[in-house]
Amino acid sequence: MSQSSLPELRTFLSGRVPDGLVAILGAFAEASATLRDALATAPLSNLLGATGETNVQDEPTAKLDAYANQTFHRALRLPDITRLISEEDEAPVELGDGTYTCCFDPLDGSSNIGVAAVGSVIGVYTGFPAPPFGGTPVTGRQMEAAAFVVYGLPTMMVLATAGQVDAFTFDPTDRTWRLTSPAVRAEPAKYASINWMYRDRWSPAVARAVDNASAGLRGRYSGSMVEDVLRVLMSGGVFLYPEDSASPAGKLRMLYEICPIGLIMEWAGGAAIDGSRSVLDVPVTAPHQRGPLVAGAAAAVERYRVAYTAPD
């Protein structure tokens, strides 16, 4: 099959999801293509290094973090979006009376720039209370779509819409995203992706659960969430980022990291839990709420849950 005959993203989405969602996901894809170009030439365009500032997470802001955040903000100011929630912004940005709230990590894994793949993540939610986080929680079940992009060779986007997960590859010759892996299904586990250097920070329950989930699996860990999750989804495995003594509530953020990955995994036939329950059922009461994540092949995730919830 020639590349020109592979379905293009907006054509694929048209009629499958509402027009407003087509526009949002198309804008996310176009902004991701722009960011891909910036990453490819960053050493030549003074985009490497830090800005000297910190973000709301009290993390150093890389120049590319700021560039990525600006790129997605410009792209996602659409009539159907009521607010934007970014990892880089302290508070939600209110836009108007649209249907959707878009929560995104503009550049996931920026500490790995130049040494490992980085990416972007988005979750598109409905039914957010107005004003948000005034006492009524939201959950990942309110997402209508989720996606993550991995800026690698090739650049890929994994997209969850209408109960299905599909993967697209960016074609730089005509700047389109082409469907290359339709109806992705989570493969049986071959790999365990976890930072074993944190073992001395784990509780007995976490250590027991990690051992149970990873038994018989090969280790693969890059330190870049999107890269590791892509491998786990497409090649089979389990990604583990549990809570530890340094981050007792968990390290990853719910709205724009954990829940989008959770939706993609569940719709692909895998699973994603915080240790005992689906991450999509966790009440979220703050824009940058953190949590633990164990995601991947359903059987491996279940082995984690069984050991984690067993009596000590």
C-alpha atoms as a PDB file:
ATOM      1  CA  MET A   1       0.000   0.000   0.000  1.00  0.00           C
ATOM      2  CA  SER A   2       1.409   3.404  -0.971  1.00  0.00           C
ATOM      3  CA  GLN A   3       1.687   6.056   1.715  1.00  0.00           C
ATOM      4  CA  SER A   4      -0.760   8.319  -0.143  1.00  0.00           C
ATOM      5  CA  SER A   5      -3.471   5.659   0.149  1.00  0.00           C
ATOM      6  CA  LEU A   6      -3.158   5.446   3.927  1.00  0.00           C
ATOM      7  CA  PRO A   7      -5.965   7.409   5.614  1.00  0.00           C
ATOM      8  CA  GLU A   8      -5.007  10.922   6.730  1.00  0.00           C
ATOM      9  CA  LEU A   9      -5.898  11.910  10.299  1.00  0.00           C
ATOM     10  CA  ARG A  10      -8.713  14.403   9.683  1.00  0.00           C
ATOM     11  CA  THR A  11     -10.253  12.165   7.009  1.00  0.00           C
ATOM     12  CA  PHE A  12     -10.132   9.244   9.425  1.00  0.00           C
ATOM     13  CA  LEU A  13     -11.814  11.273  12.178  1.00  0.00           C
ATOM     14  CA  SER A  14     -14.499  12.901  10.020  1.00  0.00           C
ATOM     15  CA  GLY A  15     -17.865  11.318  10.781  1.00  0.00           C
ATOM     16  CA  ARG A  16     -16.300   9.251  13.547  1.00  0.00           C
ATOM     17  CA  VAL A  17     -16.299  11.976  16.193  1.00  0.00           C
ATOM     18  CA  PRO A  18     -18.044  15.387  16.422  1.00  0.00           C
ATOM     19  CA  ASP A  19     -16.661  18.146  14.199  1.00  0.00           C
ATOM     20  CA  GLY A  20     -15.421  20.106  17.206  1.00  0.00           C
ATOM     21  CA  LEU A  21     -13.337  17.136  18.313  1.00  0.00           C
ATOM     22  CA  VAL A  22     -11.983  16.702  14.773  1.00  0.00           C
ATOM     23  CA  ALA A  23     -10.807  20.321  14.905  1.00  0.00           C
ATOM     24  CA  ILE A  24      -9.188  19.874  18.332  1.00  0.00           C
ATOM     25  CA  LEU A  25      -7.329  16.689  17.456  1.00  0.00           C
ATOM     26  CA  GLY A  26      -6.296  18.119  14.097  1.00  0.00           C
ATOM     27  CA  ALA A  27      -4.926  21.217  15.831  1.00  0.00           C
ATOM     28  CA  PHE A  28      -3.064  19.052  18.351  1.00  0.00           C
ATOM     29  CA  ALA A  29      -1.544  17.063  15.487  1.00  0.00           C
ATOM     30  CA  GLU A  30      -0.482  20.206  13.601  1.00  0.00           C
ATOM     31  CA  ALA A  31       1.082  21.702  16.729  1.00  0.00           C
ATOM     32  CA  SER A  32       2.911  18.412  17.320  1.00  0.00           C
ATOM     33  CA  ALA A  33       4.325  18.581  13.785  1.00  0.00           C
ATOM     34  CA  THR A  34       5.554  22.118  14.476  1.00  0.00           C
ATOM     35  CA  LEU A  35       7.181  20.958  17.696  1.00  0.00           C
ATOM     36  CA  ARG A  36       8.784  18.026  15.876  1.00  0.00           C
ATOM     37  CA  ASP A  37      10.499  20.493  13.549  1.00  0.00           C
ATOM     38  CA  ALA A  38      11.716  22.595  16.480  1.00  0.00           C
ATOM     39  CA  LEU A  39      13.139  19.546  18.250  1.00  0.00           C
ATOM     40  CA  ALA A  40      14.965  18.444  15.103  1.00  0.00           C
ATOM     41  CA  THR A  41      16.798  21.763  14.798  1.00  0.00           C
ATOM     42  CA  ALA A  42      16.984  22.788  18.481  1.00  0.00           C
ATOM     43  CA  PRO A  43      20.809  22.701  18.678  1.00  0.00           C
ATOM     44  CA  LEU A  44      20.932  25.075  15.704  1.00  0.00           C
ATOM     45  CA  SER A  45      18.298  27.549  16.868  1.00  0.00           C
ATOM     46  CA  ASN A  46      19.190  28.289  20.494  1.00  0.00           C
ATOM     47  CA  LEU A  47      16.315  26.208  21.851  1.00  0.00           C
ATOM     48  CA  LEU A  48      18.389  23.974  24.122  1.00  0.00           C
ATOM     49  CA  GLY A  49      18.998  24.726  27.776  1.00  0.00           C
ATOM     50  CA  ALA A  50      16.888  26.271  30.502  1.00  0.00           C
ATOM     51  CA  THR A  51      15.037  29.566  30.655  1.00  0.00           C
ATOM     52  CA  GLY A  52      16.197  30.178  34.220  1.00  0.00           C
ATOM     53  CA  GLU A  53      12.629  29.943  35.480  1.00  0.00           C
ATOM     54  CA  THR A  54      10.647  27.172  37.180  1.00  0.00           C
ATOM     55  CA  ASN A  55       7.128  25.993  36.386  1.00  0.00           C
ATOM     56  CA  VAL A  56       4.215  25.392  38.728  1.00  0.00           C
ATOM     57  CA  GLN A  57       5.691  21.953  39.510  1.00  0.00           C
ATOM     58  CA  ASP A  58       8.826  23.721  40.828  1.00  0.00           C
ATOM     59  CA  GLU A  59      10.763  22.115  37.986  1.00  0.00           C
ATOM     60  CA  PRO A  60      13.300  23.985  35.810  1.00  0.00           C
ATOM     61  CA  THR A  61      11.659  25.197  32.608  1.00  0.00           C
ATOM     62  CA  ALA A  62      13.564  24.228  29.477  1.00  0.00           C
ATOM     63  CA  LYS A  63      13.444  26.590  26.539  1.00  0.00           C
ATOM     64  CA  LEU A  64      11.678  23.877  24.588  1.00  0.00           C
ATOM     65  CA  ASP A  65       9.103  23.511  27.402  1.00  0.00           C
ATOM     66  CA  ALA A  66       8.189  27.170  26.971  1.00  0.00           C
ATOM     67  CA  TYR A  67       8.187  26.909  23.185  1.00  0.00           C
ATOM     68  CA  ALA A  68       5.993  23.799  23.256  1.00  0.00           C
ATOM     69  CA  ASN A  69       3.532  25.374  25.687  1.00  0.00           C
ATOM     70  CA  GLN A  70       3.173  28.469  23.507  1.00  0.00           C
ATOM     71  CA  THR A  71       2.749  26.309  20.403  1.00  0.00           C
ATOM     72  CA  PHE A  72      -0.106  24.279  21.868  1.00  0.00           C
ATOM     73  CA  HIS A  73      -1.787  27.325  23.386  1.00  0.00           C
ATOM     74  CA  ARG A  74      -1.874  29.031  19.987  1.00  0.00           C
ATOM     75  CA  ALA A  75      -3.189  25.905  18.263  1.00  0.00           C
ATOM     76  CA  LEU A  76      -5.894  25.064  20.793  1.00  0.00           C
ATOM     77  CA  ARG A  77      -7.680  28.414  21.080  1.00  0.00           C
ATOM     78  CA  LEU A  78     -10.726  27.031  19.301  1.00  0.00           C
ATOM     79  CA  PRO A  79     -14.462  27.821  19.647  1.00  0.00           C
ATOM     80  CA  ASP A  80     -15.321  24.387  21.037  1.00  0.00           C
ATOM     81  CA  ILE A  81     -12.741  24.578  23.840  1.00  0.00           C
ATOM     82  CA  THR A  82     -13.828  26.174  27.093  1.00  0.00           C
ATOM     83  CA  ARG A  83     -10.500  25.950  28.935  1.00  0.00           C
ATOM     84  CA  LEU A  84      -6.913  24.769  28.670  1.00  0.00           C
ATOM     85  CA  ILE A  85      -4.964  23.094  31.461  1.00  0.00           C
ATOM     86  CA  SER A  86      -1.241  22.747  30.827  1.00  0.00           C
ATOM     87  CA  GLU A  87       1.520  21.270  32.919  1.00  0.00           C
ATOM     88  CA  GLU A  88       3.378  24.552  32.457  1.00  0.00           C
ATOM     89  CA  ASP A  89       0.580  26.852  33.703  1.00  0.00           C
ATOM     90  CA  GLU A  90      -0.293  27.438  37.332  1.00  0.00           C
ATOM     91  CA  ALA A  91      -4.041  27.794  36.727  1.00  0.00           C
ATOM     92  CA  PRO A  92      -6.506  26.781  34.003  1.00  0.00           C
ATOM     93  CA  VAL A  93      -6.835  29.242  31.136  1.00  0.00           C
ATOM     94  CA  GLU A  94     -10.512  30.046  30.553  1.00  0.00           C
ATOM     95  CA  LEU A  95     -11.458  30.602  26.902  1.00  0.00           C
ATOM     96  CA  GLY A  96     -15.239  30.728  26.587  1.00  0.00           C
ATOM     97  CA  ASP A  97     -18.381  28.633  26.398  1.00  0.00           C
ATOM     98  CA  GLY A  98     -17.112  25.631  24.482  1.00  0.00           C
ATOM     99  CA  THR A  99     -17.813  21.976  25.186  1.00  0.00           C
ATOM    100  CA  TYR A 100     -14.338  20.634  25.857  1.00  0.00           C
ATOM    101  CA  THR A 101     -11.580  21.071  28.420  1.00  0.00           C
ATOM    102  CA  CYS A 102      -8.172  20.189  26.982  1.00  0.00           C
ATOM    103  CA  CYS A 103      -5.502  19.064  29.432  1.00  0.00           C
ATOM    104  CA  PHE A 104      -2.027  18.648  28.021  1.00  0.00           C
ATOM    105  CA  ASP A 105       1.625  18.098  28.779  1.00  0.00           C
ATOM    106  CA  PRO A 106       3.242  20.066  25.954  1.00  0.00           C
ATOM    107  CA  LEU A 107       6.634  18.373  26.217  1.00  0.00           C
ATOM    108  CA  ASP A 108       6.780  15.214  28.282  1.00  0.00           C
ATOM    109  CA  GLY A 109      10.266  14.117  29.322  1.00  0.00           C
ATOM    110  CA  SER A 110      12.058  17.365  28.528  1.00  0.00           C
ATOM    111  CA  SER A 111      14.968  16.349  30.791  1.00  0.00           C
ATOM    112  CA  ASN A 112      15.697  13.698  28.134  1.00  0.00           C
ATOM    113  CA  ILE A 113      16.062  16.122  25.221  1.00  0.00           C
ATOM    114  CA  GLY A 114      19.012  15.004  23.153  1.00  0.00           C
ATOM    115  CA  VAL A 115      19.384  11.595  24.816  1.00  0.00           C
ATOM    116  CA  ALA A 116      15.967   9.905  24.527  1.00  0.00           C
ATOM    117  CA  ALA A 117      12.655  10.417  22.806  1.00  0.00           C
ATOM    118  CA  VAL A 118      10.290  13.034  24.213  1.00  0.00           C
ATOM    119  CA  GLY A 119       6.617  13.576  23.529  1.00  0.00           C
ATOM    120  CA  SER A 120       3.348  15.418  24.014  1.00  0.00           C
ATOM    121  CA  VAL A 121       0.160  14.199  25.718  1.00  0.00           C
ATOM    122  CA  ILE A 122      -3.447  15.445  25.628  1.00  0.00           C
ATOM    123  CA  GLY A 123      -6.745  14.474  27.214  1.00  0.00           C
ATOM    124  CA  VAL A 124      -9.987  16.013  25.915  1.00  0.00           C
ATOM    125  CA  TYR A 125     -12.668  16.144  28.622  1.00  0.00           C
ATOM    126  CA  THR A 126     -16.333  17.092  28.810  1.00  0.00           C
ATOM    127  CA  GLY A 127     -18.523  17.874  31.788  1.00  0.00           C
ATOM    128  CA  PHE A 128     -16.029  19.909  33.800  1.00  0.00           C
ATOM    129  CA  PRO A 129     -17.806  21.891  36.531  1.00  0.00           C
ATOM    130  CA  ALA A 130     -17.736  25.673  36.231  1.00  0.00           C
ATOM    131  CA  PRO A 131     -15.659  26.926  37.852  1.00  0.00           C
ATOM    132  CA  PRO A 132     -13.453  23.816  37.875  1.00  0.00           C
ATOM    133  CA  PHE A 133     -12.022  22.369  41.084  1.00  0.00           C
ATOM    134  CA  GLY A 134     -14.497  24.160  43.286  1.00  0.00           C
ATOM    135  CA  GLY A 135     -15.310  20.979  45.186  1.00  0.00           C
ATOM    136  CA  THR A 136     -16.797  18.750  42.478  1.00  0.00           C
ATOM    137  CA  PRO A 137     -14.186  16.229  41.298  1.00  0.00           C
ATOM    138  CA  VAL A 138     -13.666  15.103  37.729  1.00  0.00           C
ATOM    139  CA  THR A 139     -12.442  11.718  36.530  1.00  0.00           C
ATOM    140  CA  GLY A 140     -10.792  10.266  33.472  1.00  0.00           C
ATOM    141  CA  ARG A 141     -14.129   8.734  32.491  1.00  0.00           C
ATOM    142  CA  GLN A 142     -15.076  12.212  31.256  1.00  0.00           C
ATOM    143  CA  MET A 143     -12.550  12.062  28.429  1.00  0.00           C
ATOM    144  CA  GLU A 144     -13.874  11.889  24.881  1.00  0.00           C
ATOM    145  CA  ALA A 145     -10.405  11.398  23.395  1.00  0.00           C
ATOM    146  CA  ALA A 146      -6.749  11.107  24.363  1.00  0.00           C
ATOM    147  CA  ALA A 147      -3.481  11.037  22.469  1.00  0.00           C
ATOM    148  CA  PHE A 148       0.245  11.033  22.894  1.00  0.00           C
ATOM    149  CA  VAL A 149       2.993  11.774  20.397  1.00  0.00           C
ATOM    150  CA  VAL A 150       6.510  10.356  20.483  1.00  0.00           C
ATOM    151  CA  TYR A 151       9.082  12.474  18.654  1.00  0.00           C
ATOM    152  CA  GLY A 152      11.314   9.684  17.486  1.00  0.00           C
ATOM    153  CA  LEU A 153      12.216   7.952  14.258  1.00  0.00           C
ATOM    154  CA  PRO A 154       9.495   7.866  13.074  1.00  0.00           C
ATOM    155  CA  THR A 155       7.319  10.432  14.833  1.00  0.00           C
ATOM    156  CA  MET A 156       4.167   8.632  15.950  1.00  0.00           C
ATOM    157  CA  MET A 157       0.845   9.594  17.487  1.00  0.00           C
ATOM    158  CA  VAL A 158      -1.292   7.106  19.401  1.00  0.00           C
ATOM    159  CA  LEU A 159      -4.914   8.245  19.482  1.00  0.00           C
ATOM    160  CA  ALA A 160      -7.956   7.002  21.388  1.00  0.00           C
ATOM    161  CA  THR A 161     -11.351   7.949  19.932  1.00  0.00           C
ATOM    162  CA  ALA A 162     -14.767   6.296  19.841  1.00  0.00           C
ATOM    163  CA  GLY A 163     -13.635   3.372  22.001  1.00  0.00           C
ATOM    164  CA  GLN A 164     -10.722   2.445  19.740  1.00  0.00           C
ATOM    165  CA  VAL A 165      -6.981   3.109  19.649  1.00  0.00           C
ATOM    166  CA  ASP A 166      -5.150   3.849  16.405  1.00  0.00           C
ATOM    167  CA  ALA A 167      -1.578   4.884  15.636  1.00  0.00           C
ATOM    168  CA  PHE A 168      -0.527   7.453  13.040  1.00  0.00           C
ATOM    169  CA  THR A 169       2.883   8.247  11.581  1.00  0.00           C
ATOM    170  CA  PHE A 170       3.929  11.745  10.535  1.00  0.00           C
ATOM    171  CA  ASP A 171       4.898  12.030   6.879  1.00  0.00           C
ATOM    172  CA  PRO A 172       7.245  15.011   6.503  1.00  0.00           C
ATOM    173  CA  THR A 173       6.979  14.991   2.715  1.00  0.00           C
ATOM    174  CA  ASP A 174       3.433  16.341   2.752  1.00  0.00           C
ATOM    175  CA  ARG A 175       3.127  17.105   6.502  1.00  0.00           C
ATOM    176  CA  THR A 176       0.279  14.677   7.075  1.00  0.00           C
ATOM    177  CA  TRP A 177      -0.421  12.123   9.763  1.00  0.00           C
ATOM    178  CA  ARG A 178      -1.187   8.754   8.172  1.00  0.00           C
ATOM    179  CA  LEU A 179      -2.918   5.793   9.800  1.00  0.00           C
ATOM    180  CA  THR A 180      -0.266   3.085  10.028  1.00  0.00           C
ATOM    181  CA  SER A 181      -1.530   0.866  12.874  1.00  0.00           C
ATOM    182  CA  PRO A 182      -5.335   0.640  12.983  1.00  0.00           C
ATOM    183  CA  ALA A 183      -7.212  -0.835  15.932  1.00  0.00           C
ATOM    184  CA  VAL A 184      -4.178  -1.246  18.188  1.00  0.00           C
ATOM    185  CA  ARG A 185      -4.513  -3.903  20.867  1.00  0.00           C
ATOM    186  CA  ALA A 186      -2.296  -4.201  23.937  1.00  0.00           C
ATOM    187  CA  GLU A 187       0.061  -7.131  23.443  1.00  0.00           C
ATOM    188  CA  PRO A 188       0.839  -9.751  26.123  1.00  0.00           C
ATOM    189  CA  ALA A 189       3.633  -8.581  28.384  1.00  0.00           C
ATOM    190  CA  LYS A 190       7.249  -9.082  27.351  1.00  0.00           C
ATOM    191  CA  TYR A 191       8.835  -6.064  29.006  1.00  0.00           C
ATOM    192  CA  ALA A 192       8.742  -4.333  32.368  1.00  0.00           C
ATOM    193  CA  SER A 193       9.475  -0.615  32.270  1.00  0.00           C
ATOM    194  CA  ILE A 194      10.408   0.796  35.671  1.00  0.00           C
ATOM    195  CA  ASN A 195      13.242   2.678  37.357  1.00  0.00           C
ATOM    196  CA  TRP A 196      14.735  -0.024  39.566  1.00  0.00           C
ATOM    197  CA  MET A 197      17.042   2.523  41.200  1.00  0.00           C
ATOM    198  CA  TYR A 198      14.068   3.664  43.303  1.00  0.00           C
ATOM    199  CA  ARG A 199      13.603   0.278  44.942  1.00  0.00           C
ATOM    200  CA  ASP A 200      14.865   1.475  48.317  1.00  0.00           C
ATOM    201  CA  ARG A 201      12.069   4.079  48.310  1.00  0.00           C
ATOM    202  CA  TRP A 202       9.254   1.561  47.845  1.00  0.00           C
ATOM    203  CA  SER A 203       6.935   0.325  50.541  1.00  0.00           C
ATOM    204  CA  PRO A 204       6.742  -3.449  51.094  1.00  0.00           C
ATOM    205  CA  ALA A 205       3.432  -3.499  49.193  1.00  0.00           C
ATOM    206  CA  VAL A 206       4.901  -1.710  46.175  1.00  0.00           C
ATOM    207  CA  ALA A 207       8.042  -3.870  46.150  1.00  0.00           C
ATOM    208  CA  ARG A 208       5.936  -7.034  46.356  1.00  0.00           C
ATOM    209  CA  ALA A 209       3.647  -5.834  43.577  1.00  0.00           C
ATOM    210  CA  VAL A 210       6.472  -4.782  41.263  1.00  0.00           C
ATOM    211  CA  ASP A 211       8.133  -8.167  41.686  1.00  0.00           C
ATOM    212  CA  ASN A 212       4.868  -9.965  40.972  1.00  0.00           C
ATOM    213  CA  ALA A 213       4.031  -7.909  37.884  1.00  0.00           C
ATOM    214  CA  SER A 214       7.516  -8.052  36.391  1.00  0.00           C
ATOM    215  CA  ALA A 215       8.318 -11.716  37.058  1.00  0.00           C
ATOM    216  CA  GLY A 216       9.659 -13.344  33.893  1.00  0.00           C
ATOM    217  CA  LEU A 217       9.722 -10.090  31.918  1.00  0.00           C
ATOM    218  CA  ARG A 218      12.700  -8.336  30.362  1.00  0.00           C
ATOM    219  CA  GLY A 219      13.617  -4.875  31.571  1.00  0.00           C
ATOM    220  CA  ARG A 220      13.348  -1.907  29.224  1.00  0.00           C
ATOM    221  CA  TYR A 221      13.411   1.619  30.670  1.00  0.00           C
ATOM    222  CA  SER A 222      14.368   4.858  28.928  1.00  0.00           C
ATOM    223  CA  GLY A 223      13.266   7.381  31.537  1.00  0.00           C
ATOM    224  CA  SER A 224      10.886   8.919  28.989  1.00  0.00           C
ATOM    225  CA  MET A 225       7.268   8.051  29.807  1.00  0.00           C
ATOM    226  CA  VAL A 226       5.918   8.359  26.275  1.00  0.00           C
ATOM    227  CA  GLU A 227       8.708   6.260  24.794  1.00  0.00           C
ATOM    228  CA  ASP A 228       8.281   3.544  27.417  1.00  0.00           C
ATOM    229  CA  VAL A 229       4.480   3.547  27.125  1.00  0.00           C
ATOM    230  CA  LEU A 230       4.711   3.249  23.328  1.00  0.00           C
ATOM    231  CA  ARG A 231       6.938   0.181  23.661  1.00  0.00           C
ATOM    232  CA  VAL A 232       4.671  -1.355  26.272  1.00  0.00           C
ATOM    233  CA  LEU A 233       1.578  -0.800  24.126  1.00  0.00           C
ATOM    234  CA  MET A 234       2.959  -1.871  20.755  1.00  0.00           C
ATOM    235  CA  SER A 235       5.377  -4.625  21.828  1.00  0.00           C
ATOM    236  CA  GLY A 236       3.778  -5.835  25.050  1.00  0.00           C
ATOM    237  CA  GLY A 237       4.670  -5.046  28.610  1.00  0.00           C
ATOM    238  CA  VAL A 238       3.882  -3.106  31.744  1.00  0.00           C
ATOM    239  CA  PHE A 239       4.904   0.448  32.634  1.00  0.00           C
ATOM    240  CA  LEU A 240       5.269   1.056  36.369  1.00  0.00           C
ATOM    241  CA  TYR A 241       5.631   4.401  38.100  1.00  0.00           C
ATOM    242  CA  PRO A 242       4.426   3.676  41.653  1.00  0.00           C
ATOM    243  CA  GLU A 243       4.409   5.964  44.645  1.00  0.00           C
ATOM    244  CA  ASP A 244       7.539   6.017  46.791  1.00  0.00           C
ATOM    245  CA  SER A 245       8.920   7.712  49.888  1.00  0.00           C
ATOM    246  CA  ALA A 246      10.064  10.732  47.868  1.00  0.00           C
ATOM    247  CA  SER A 247       6.678  11.070  46.126  1.00  0.00           C
ATOM    248  CA  PRO A 248       4.148   9.431  48.463  1.00  0.00           C
ATOM    249  CA  ALA A 249       1.174  10.615  46.379  1.00  0.00           C
ATOM    250  CA  GLY A 250       2.832   9.565  43.124  1.00  0.00           C
ATOM    251  CA  LYS A 251       4.886  11.591  40.664  1.00  0.00           C
ATOM    252  CA  LEU A 252       2.909  11.761  37.414  1.00  0.00           C
ATOM    253  CA  ARG A 253       0.012  14.182  36.910  1.00  0.00           C
ATOM    254  CA  MET A 254      -3.530  12.869  36.640  1.00  0.00           C
ATOM    255  CA  LEU A 255      -5.273  15.050  34.050  1.00  0.00           C
ATOM    256  CA  TYR A 256      -2.625  15.252  31.342  1.00  0.00           C
ATOM    257  CA  GLU A 257      -0.409  12.215  31.893  1.00  0.00           C
ATOM    258  CA  ILE A 258      -2.034   9.414  33.862  1.00  0.00           C
ATOM    259  CA  CYS A 259      -5.630   9.626  32.630  1.00  0.00           C
ATOM    260  CA  PRO A 260      -4.834   9.970  28.905  1.00  0.00           C
ATOM    261  CA  ILE A 261      -2.464   6.993  29.096  1.00  0.00           C
ATOM    262  CA  GLY A 262      -5.102   5.127  31.115  1.00  0.00           C
ATOM    263  CA  LEU A 263      -7.811   5.719  28.508  1.00  0.00           C
ATOM    264  CA  ILE A 264      -5.536   4.593  25.689  1.00  0.00           C
ATOM    265  CA  MET A 265      -4.537   1.436  27.549  1.00  0.00           C
ATOM    266  CA  GLU A 266      -8.094   0.507  28.522  1.00  0.00           C
ATOM    267  CA  TRP A 267      -9.495   1.106  25.047  1.00  0.00           C
ATOM    268  CA  ALA A 268      -6.675  -1.007  23.599  1.00  0.00           C
ATOM    269  CA  GLY A 269      -7.679  -3.901  25.849  1.00  0.00           C
ATOM    270  CA  GLY A 270      -5.028  -3.316  28.499  1.00  0.00           C
ATOM    271  CA  ALA A 271      -5.380  -1.804  31.944  1.00  0.00           C
ATOM    272  CA  ALA A 272      -4.132   1.136  33.993  1.00  0.00           C
ATOM    273  CA  ILE A 273      -4.402   1.349  37.782  1.00  0.00           C
ATOM    274  CA  ASP A 274      -3.134   3.388  40.707  1.00  0.00           C
ATOM    275  CA  GLY A 275      -2.413   0.174  42.575  1.00  0.00           C
ATOM    276  CA  SER A 276      -5.929  -0.932  43.437  1.00  0.00           C
ATOM    277  CA  ARG A 277      -8.364   0.735  40.990  1.00  0.00           C
ATOM    278  CA  SER A 278      -8.552   2.054  37.454  1.00  0.00           C
ATOM    279  CA  VAL A 279      -6.883   5.447  37.156  1.00  0.00           C
ATOM    280  CA  LEU A 280      -9.985   6.582  35.247  1.00  0.00           C
ATOM    281  CA  ASP A 281     -12.040   6.255  38.454  1.00  0.00           C
ATOM    282  CA  VAL A 282      -9.754   8.358  40.662  1.00  0.00           C
ATOM    283  CA  PRO A 283     -11.419  11.655  41.708  1.00  0.00           C
ATOM    284  CA  VAL A 284      -9.360  14.642  40.578  1.00  0.00           C
ATOM    285  CA  THR A 285      -9.821  17.803  42.611  1.00  0.00           C
ATOM    286  CA  ALA A 286      -6.857  19.947  41.494  1.00  0.00           C
ATOM    287  CA  PRO A 287      -5.399  20.748  38.061  1.00  0.00           C
ATOM    288  CA  HIS A 288      -1.957  19.331  38.846  1.00  0.00           C
ATOM    289  CA  GLN A 289      -2.967  16.450  41.117  1.00  0.00           C
ATOM    290  CA  ARG A 290      -0.448  13.619  41.098  1.00  0.00           C
ATOM    291  CA  GLY A 291      -0.802   9.875  41.308  1.00  0.00           C
ATOM    292  CA  PRO A 292       0.884   6.518  40.734  1.00  0.00           C
ATOM    293  CA  LEU A 293       0.486   4.616  37.469  1.00  0.00           C
ATOM    294  CA  VAL A 294       0.785   0.957  36.484  1.00  0.00           C
ATOM    295  CA  ALA A 295      -0.305   0.462  32.857  1.00  0.00           C
ATOM    296  CA  GLY A 296      -0.003  -2.103  30.103  1.00  0.00           C
ATOM    297  CA  ALA A 297      -0.999  -5.682  29.436  1.00  0.00           C
ATOM    298  CA  ALA A 298      -4.063  -6.495  31.525  1.00  0.00           C
ATOM    299  CA  ALA A 299      -2.651  -9.705  33.021  1.00  0.00           C
ATOM    300  CA  ALA A 300       0.553  -8.012  34.224  1.00  0.00           C
ATOM    301  CA  VAL A 301      -1.390  -5.082  35.678  1.00  0.00           C
ATOM    302  CA  GLU A 302      -3.683  -7.504  37.477  1.00  0.00           C
ATOM    303  CA  ARG A 303      -0.675  -9.294  38.988  1.00  0.00           C
ATOM    304  CA  TYR A 304       0.405  -5.934  40.394  1.00  0.00           C
ATOM    305  CA  ARG A 305      -3.067  -5.232  41.823  1.00  0.00           C
ATOM    306  CA  VAL A 306      -3.347  -8.644  43.490  1.00  0.00           C
ATOM    307  CA  ALA A 307       0.029  -8.333  45.212  1.00  0.00           C
ATOM    308  CA  TYR A 308      -0.415  -4.651  46.079  1.00  0.00           C
ATOM    309  CA  THR A 309      -3.778  -5.186  47.800  1.00  0.00           C
ATOM    310  CA  ALA A 310      -2.798  -8.423  49.570  1.00  0.00           C
ATOM    311  CA  PRO A 311      -2.588  -8.201  53.359  1.00  0.00           C
ATOM    312  CA  ASP A 312       0.918  -7.567  54.698  1.00  0.00           C
END
